[in-house]
Amino acid sequence: MVKNLSIIIFLLAMVATIVLADLIFFRHHFWERLMSNIGIVLIYISIYLVFIKNS
């Protein structure tokens, strides 16, 4: 149960990061926004694989 809760909090943090970056920095820049969103997701996936999956 604790692991499921940590995954949910982790996903909410990822969504919040993507939304805030979109609103603050990349409002009218489609390709830059797409590339930054992909980069943010890749960073969160790597953090998940290193820290959360092994715990």
Protein backbone atom coordinates (compact mmCIF):
# COMPACT_ATOMS: atom_id res chain seq x y z
CA MET A 1 0.00 0.00 0.00
CA VAL A 2 2.82 2.41 0.83
CA LYS A 3 4.51 1.74 -2.50
CA ASN A 4 1.27 2.49 -4.38
CA LEU A 5 0.91 5.76 -2.50
CA SER A 6 4.48 6.76 -3.30
CA ILE A 7 3.91 6.01 -6.98
CA ILE A 8 0.74 8.12 -7.00
CA ILE A 9 2.53 11.04 -5.31
CA PHE A 10 5.42 10.63 -7.77
CA LEU A 11 3.05 10.77 -10.76
CA LEU A 12 1.27 13.81 -9.37
CA ALA A 13 4.62 15.56 -8.94
CA MET A 14 5.51 14.75 -12.55
CA VAL A 15 2.20 16.10 -13.85
CA ALA A 16 2.57 19.25 -11.75
CA THR A 17 6.10 19.80 -13.07
CA ILE A 18 4.96 19.42 -16.68
CA VAL A 19 1.96 21.71 -16.27
CA LEU A 20 3.95 24.41 -14.49
CA ALA A 21 6.74 24.32 -17.07
CA ASP A 22 4.16 24.57 -19.86
CA LEU A 23 2.37 27.51 -18.28
CA ILE A 24 5.43 29.46 -17.16
CA PHE A 25 7.96 28.93 -19.95
CA PHE A 26 6.46 27.38 -23.09
CA ARG A 27 2.97 28.77 -23.50
CA HIS A 28 3.23 29.65 -27.22
CA HIS A 29 6.09 27.36 -28.30
CA PHE A 30 4.73 23.99 -29.38
CA TRP A 31 7.93 22.12 -30.32
CA GLU A 32 9.94 23.39 -27.38
CA ARG A 33 7.08 22.45 -25.06
CA LEU A 34 6.88 18.96 -26.56
CA MET A 35 10.63 18.39 -26.23
CA SER A 36 10.71 19.67 -22.65
CA ASN A 37 7.75 17.46 -21.69
CA ILE A 38 9.50 14.42 -23.14
CA GLY A 39 12.67 15.37 -21.25
CA ILE A 40 10.79 15.79 -17.98
CA VAL A 41 9.11 12.39 -18.40
CA LEU A 42 12.46 10.74 -19.17
CA ILE A 43 14.02 12.29 -16.07
CA TYR A 44 11.14 11.10 -13.90
CA ILE A 45 11.35 7.59 -15.41
CA SER A 46 15.06 7.40 -14.63
CA ILE A 47 14.47 8.59 -11.05
CA TYR A 48 11.72 5.98 -10.69
CA LEU A 49 13.94 3.18 -11.97
CA VAL A 50 16.84 4.12 -9.72
CA PHE A 51 15.11 4.97 -6.45
CA ILE A 52 11.49 3.83 -6.24
CA LYS A 53 11.45 0.55 -8.14
CA ASN A 54 14.23 -0.94 -6.02
CA SER A 55 12.76 0.01 -2.66
